[in-house]
Amino acid sequence: MRVGLLVNFHGHPNVEIRRIFLNGKNDAGVVEDIATGETTPIKLHS
């Protein structure tokens, strides 16, 4: 899968939800904070 959700229940009742988009060409992608819309580039380690 190239799209997923990361859900953090640690701060219950405030739950953090982030959407992850991966680019299959170079094992990089973007994490988007759903609440704020901010994006952060990521690089996966193999």
PDB file of N, CA and C in Angstrom:
ATOM      1  N   MET A   1       0.844  -1.179   0.000  1.00  0.00           N
ATOM      2  CA  MET A   1       0.000   0.000   0.000  1.00  0.00           C
ATOM      3  C   MET A   1       0.890   1.242   0.000  1.00  0.00           C
ATOM      4  N   ARG A   2       0.431   2.251  -0.657  1.00  0.00           N
ATOM      5  CA  ARG A   2       1.193   3.491  -0.753  1.00  0.00           C
ATOM      6  C   ARG A   2       0.579   4.631   0.048  1.00  0.00           C
ATOM      7  N   VAL A   3      -0.629   4.407   0.610  1.00  0.00           N
ATOM      8  CA  VAL A   3      -1.293   5.419   1.429  1.00  0.00           C
ATOM      9  C   VAL A   3      -1.750   4.749   2.709  1.00  0.00           C
ATOM     10  N   GLY A   4      -1.555   5.424   3.833  1.00  0.00           N
ATOM     11  CA  GLY A   4      -1.987   4.842   5.092  1.00  0.00           C
ATOM     12  C   GLY A   4      -2.244   5.908   6.133  1.00  0.00           C
ATOM     13  N   LEU A   5      -2.760   5.494   7.282  1.00  0.00           N
ATOM     14  CA  LEU A   5      -3.001   6.387   8.402  1.00  0.00           C
ATOM     15  C   LEU A   5      -2.155   5.944   9.581  1.00  0.00           C
ATOM     16  N   LEU A   6      -1.593   6.919  10.270  1.00  0.00           N
ATOM     17  CA  LEU A   6      -0.880   6.675  11.515  1.00  0.00           C
ATOM     18  C   LEU A   6      -1.723   7.315  12.611  1.00  0.00           C
ATOM     19  N   VAL A   7      -2.227   6.499  13.543  1.00  0.00           N
ATOM     20  CA  VAL A   7      -3.111   6.991  14.597  1.00  0.00           C
ATOM     21  C   VAL A   7      -2.407   6.816  15.933  1.00  0.00           C
ATOM     22  N   ASN A   8      -2.270   7.920  16.678  1.00  0.00           N
ATOM     23  CA  ASN A   8      -1.606   7.896  17.975  1.00  0.00           C
ATOM     24  C   ASN A   8      -2.652   8.116  19.063  1.00  0.00           C
ATOM     25  N   PHE A   9      -2.915   7.075  19.860  1.00  0.00           N
ATOM     26  CA  PHE A   9      -3.887   7.156  20.945  1.00  0.00           C
ATOM     27  C   PHE A   9      -3.233   7.525  22.280  1.00  0.00           C
ATOM     28  N   HIS A  10      -1.936   7.793  22.277  1.00  0.00           N
ATOM     29  CA  HIS A  10      -1.193   8.047  23.514  1.00  0.00           C
ATOM     30  C   HIS A  10      -1.757   9.233  24.287  1.00  0.00           C
ATOM     31  N   GLY A  11      -2.208  10.268  23.601  1.00  0.00           N
ATOM     32  CA  GLY A  11      -2.717  11.458  24.274  1.00  0.00           C
ATOM     33  C   GLY A  11      -4.207  11.430  24.528  1.00  0.00           C
ATOM     34  N   HIS A  12      -4.781  10.246  24.708  1.00  0.00           N
ATOM     35  CA  HIS A  12      -6.227  10.072  24.865  1.00  0.00           C
ATOM     36  C   HIS A  12      -6.757  11.073  25.881  1.00  0.00           C
ATOM     37  N   PRO A  13      -7.800  11.815  25.660  1.00  0.00           N
ATOM     38  CA  PRO A  13      -8.766  11.707  24.588  1.00  0.00           C
ATOM     39  C   PRO A  13      -8.376  12.458  23.312  1.00  0.00           C
ATOM     40  N   ASN A  14      -7.245  13.162  23.303  1.00  0.00           N
ATOM     41  CA  ASN A  14      -6.802  13.845  22.085  1.00  0.00           C
ATOM     42  C   ASN A  14      -6.019  12.869  21.225  1.00  0.00           C
ATOM     43  N   VAL A  15      -6.587  12.476  20.100  1.00  0.00           N
ATOM     44  CA  VAL A  15      -5.975  11.498  19.215  1.00  0.00           C
ATOM     45  C   VAL A  15      -5.312  12.230  18.049  1.00  0.00           C
ATOM     46  N   GLU A  16      -4.060  11.867  17.729  1.00  0.00           N
ATOM     47  CA  GLU A  16      -3.361  12.430  16.574  1.00  0.00           C
ATOM     48  C   GLU A  16      -3.551  11.500  15.387  1.00  0.00           C
ATOM     49  N   ILE A  17      -3.944  12.052  14.246  1.00  0.00           N
ATOM     50  CA  ILE A  17      -4.097  11.251  13.031  1.00  0.00           C
ATOM     51  C   ILE A  17      -3.258  11.885  11.939  1.00  0.00           C
ATOM     52  N   ARG A  18      -2.405  11.084  11.312  1.00  0.00           N
ATOM     53  CA  ARG A  18      -1.572  11.556  10.211  1.00  0.00           C
ATOM     54  C   ARG A  18      -1.739  10.627   9.020  1.00  0.00           C
ATOM     55  N   ARG A  19      -1.747  11.220   7.847  1.00  0.00           N
ATOM     56  CA  ARG A  19      -1.879  10.449   6.605  1.00  0.00           C
ATOM     57  C   ARG A  19      -0.489  10.327   6.002  1.00  0.00           C
ATOM     58  N   ILE A  20      -0.149   9.132   5.499  1.00  0.00           N
ATOM     59  CA  ILE A  20       1.169   8.875   4.926  1.00  0.00           C
ATOM     60  C   ILE A  20       1.002   8.528   3.452  1.00  0.00           C
ATOM     61  N   PHE A  21       1.750   9.238   2.605  1.00  0.00           N
ATOM     62  CA  PHE A  21       1.776   8.974   1.169  1.00  0.00           C
ATOM     63  C   PHE A  21       3.190   8.554   0.804  1.00  0.00           C
ATOM     64  N   LEU A  22       3.350   7.381   0.201  1.00  0.00           N
ATOM     65  CA  LEU A  22       4.674   6.911  -0.190  1.00  0.00           C
ATOM     66  C   LEU A  22       4.823   6.953  -1.708  1.00  0.00           C
ATOM     67  N   ASN A  23       6.028   7.320  -2.140  1.00  0.00           N
ATOM     68  CA  ASN A  23       6.382   7.323  -3.553  1.00  0.00           C
ATOM     69  C   ASN A  23       7.159   6.044  -3.813  1.00  0.00           C
ATOM     70  N   GLY A  24       6.673   5.166  -4.661  1.00  0.00           N
ATOM     71  CA  GLY A  24       7.286   3.870  -4.895  1.00  0.00           C
ATOM     72  C   GLY A  24       8.617   3.914  -5.623  1.00  0.00           C
ATOM     73  N   LYS A  25       8.967   5.048  -6.208  1.00  0.00           N
ATOM     74  CA  LYS A  25      10.187   5.112  -7.001  1.00  0.00           C
ATOM     75  C   LYS A  25      11.452   5.204  -6.154  1.00  0.00           C
ATOM     76  N   ASN A  26      11.420   5.957  -5.068  1.00  0.00           N
ATOM     77  CA  ASN A  26      12.652   6.174  -4.314  1.00  0.00           C
ATOM     78  C   ASN A  26      12.487   5.981  -2.803  1.00  0.00           C
ATOM     79  N   ASP A  27      11.475   5.255  -2.373  1.00  0.00           N
ATOM     80  CA  ASP A  27      11.226   4.992  -0.950  1.00  0.00           C
ATOM     81  C   ASP A  27      11.155   6.274  -0.129  1.00  0.00           C
ATOM     82  N   ALA A  28      10.592   7.316  -0.701  1.00  0.00           N
ATOM     83  CA  ALA A  28      10.361   8.560   0.016  1.00  0.00           C
ATOM     84  C   ALA A  28       8.867   8.813   0.047  1.00  0.00           C
ATOM     85  N   GLY A  29       8.455   9.787   0.804  1.00  0.00           N
ATOM     86  CA  GLY A  29       7.040  10.097   0.860  1.00  0.00           C
ATOM     87  C   GLY A  29       6.780  11.346   1.660  1.00  0.00           C
ATOM     88  N   VAL A  30       5.528  11.519   2.049  1.00  0.00           N
ATOM     89  CA  VAL A  30       5.092  12.697   2.782  1.00  0.00           C
ATOM     90  C   VAL A  30       4.155  12.248   3.895  1.00  0.00           C
ATOM     91  N   VAL A  31       4.305  12.864   5.065  1.00  0.00           N
ATOM     92  CA  VAL A  31       3.367  12.673   6.167  1.00  0.00           C
ATOM     93  C   VAL A  31       2.569  13.959   6.298  1.00  0.00           C
ATOM     94  N   GLU A  32       1.242  13.842   6.307  1.00  0.00           N
ATOM     95  CA  GLU A  32       0.366  15.007   6.425  1.00  0.00           C
ATOM     96  C   GLU A  32      -0.396  14.944   7.737  1.00  0.00           C
ATOM     97  N   ASP A  33      -0.300  16.009   8.538  1.00  0.00           N
ATOM     98  CA  ASP A  33      -1.091  16.117   9.761  1.00  0.00           C
ATOM     99  C   ASP A  33      -2.504  16.494   9.339  1.00  0.00           C
ATOM    100  N   ILE A  34      -3.469  15.633   9.594  1.00  0.00           N
ATOM    101  CA  ILE A  34      -4.835  15.858   9.122  1.00  0.00           C
ATOM    102  C   ILE A  34      -5.461  17.075   9.786  1.00  0.00           C
ATOM    103  N   ALA A  35      -5.142  17.340  11.046  1.00  0.00           N
ATOM    104  CA  ALA A  35      -5.746  18.464  11.757  1.00  0.00           C
ATOM    105  C   ALA A  35      -5.266  19.807  11.217  1.00  0.00           C
ATOM    106  N   THR A  36      -3.964  19.924  10.913  1.00  0.00           N
ATOM    107  CA  THR A  36      -3.406  21.212  10.498  1.00  0.00           C
ATOM    108  C   THR A  36      -3.145  21.310   9.001  1.00  0.00           C
ATOM    109  N   GLY A  37      -3.041  20.168   8.324  1.00  0.00           N
ATOM    110  CA  GLY A  37      -2.724  20.169   6.899  1.00  0.00           C
ATOM    111  C   GLY A  37      -1.241  20.309   6.604  1.00  0.00           C
ATOM    112  N   GLU A  38      -0.406  20.388   7.645  1.00  0.00           N
ATOM    113  CA  GLU A  38       1.042  20.512   7.455  1.00  0.00           C
ATOM    114  C   GLU A  38       1.605  19.202   6.914  1.00  0.00           C
ATOM    115  N   THR A  39       2.567  19.300   5.995  1.00  0.00           N
ATOM    116  CA  THR A  39       3.213  18.106   5.439  1.00  0.00           C
ATOM    117  C   THR A  39       4.685  18.111   5.779  1.00  0.00           C
ATOM    118  N   THR A  40       5.233  16.909   5.954  1.00  0.00           N
ATOM    119  CA  THR A  40       6.644  16.718   6.248  1.00  0.00           C
ATOM    120  C   THR A  40       7.174  15.615   5.336  1.00  0.00           C
ATOM    121  N   PRO A  41       8.248  15.897   4.574  1.00  0.00           N
ATOM    122  CA  PRO A  41       8.816  14.840   3.746  1.00  0.00           C
ATOM    123  C   PRO A  41       9.501  13.780   4.607  1.00  0.00           C
ATOM    124  N   ILE A  42       9.434  12.522   4.158  1.00  0.00           N
ATOM    125  CA  ILE A  42      10.092  11.436   4.890  1.00  0.00           C
ATOM    126  C   ILE A  42      10.922  10.611   3.919  1.00  0.00           C
ATOM    127  N   LYS A  43      11.938   9.941   4.446  1.00  0.00           N
ATOM    128  CA  LYS A  43      12.773   9.016   3.687  1.00  0.00           C
ATOM    129  C   LYS A  43      12.805   7.713   4.476  1.00  0.00           C
ATOM    130  N   LEU A  44      12.413   6.609   3.853  1.00  0.00           N
ATOM    131  CA  LEU A  44      12.389   5.319   4.515  1.00  0.00           C
ATOM    132  C   LEU A  44      13.765   4.681   4.478  1.00  0.00           C
ATOM    133  N   HIS A  45      14.124   4.005   5.550  1.00  0.00           N
ATOM    134  CA  HIS A  45      15.383   3.259   5.616  1.00  0.00           C
ATOM    135  C   HIS A  45      15.099   1.795   5.349  1.00  0.00           C
ATOM    136  N   SER A  46      15.936   1.157   4.518  1.00  0.00           N
ATOM    137  CA  SER A  46      15.697  -0.251   4.239  1.00  0.00           C
ATOM    138  C   SER A  46      16.591  -1.136   5.078  1.00  0.00           C
TER     139      SER A  46
END
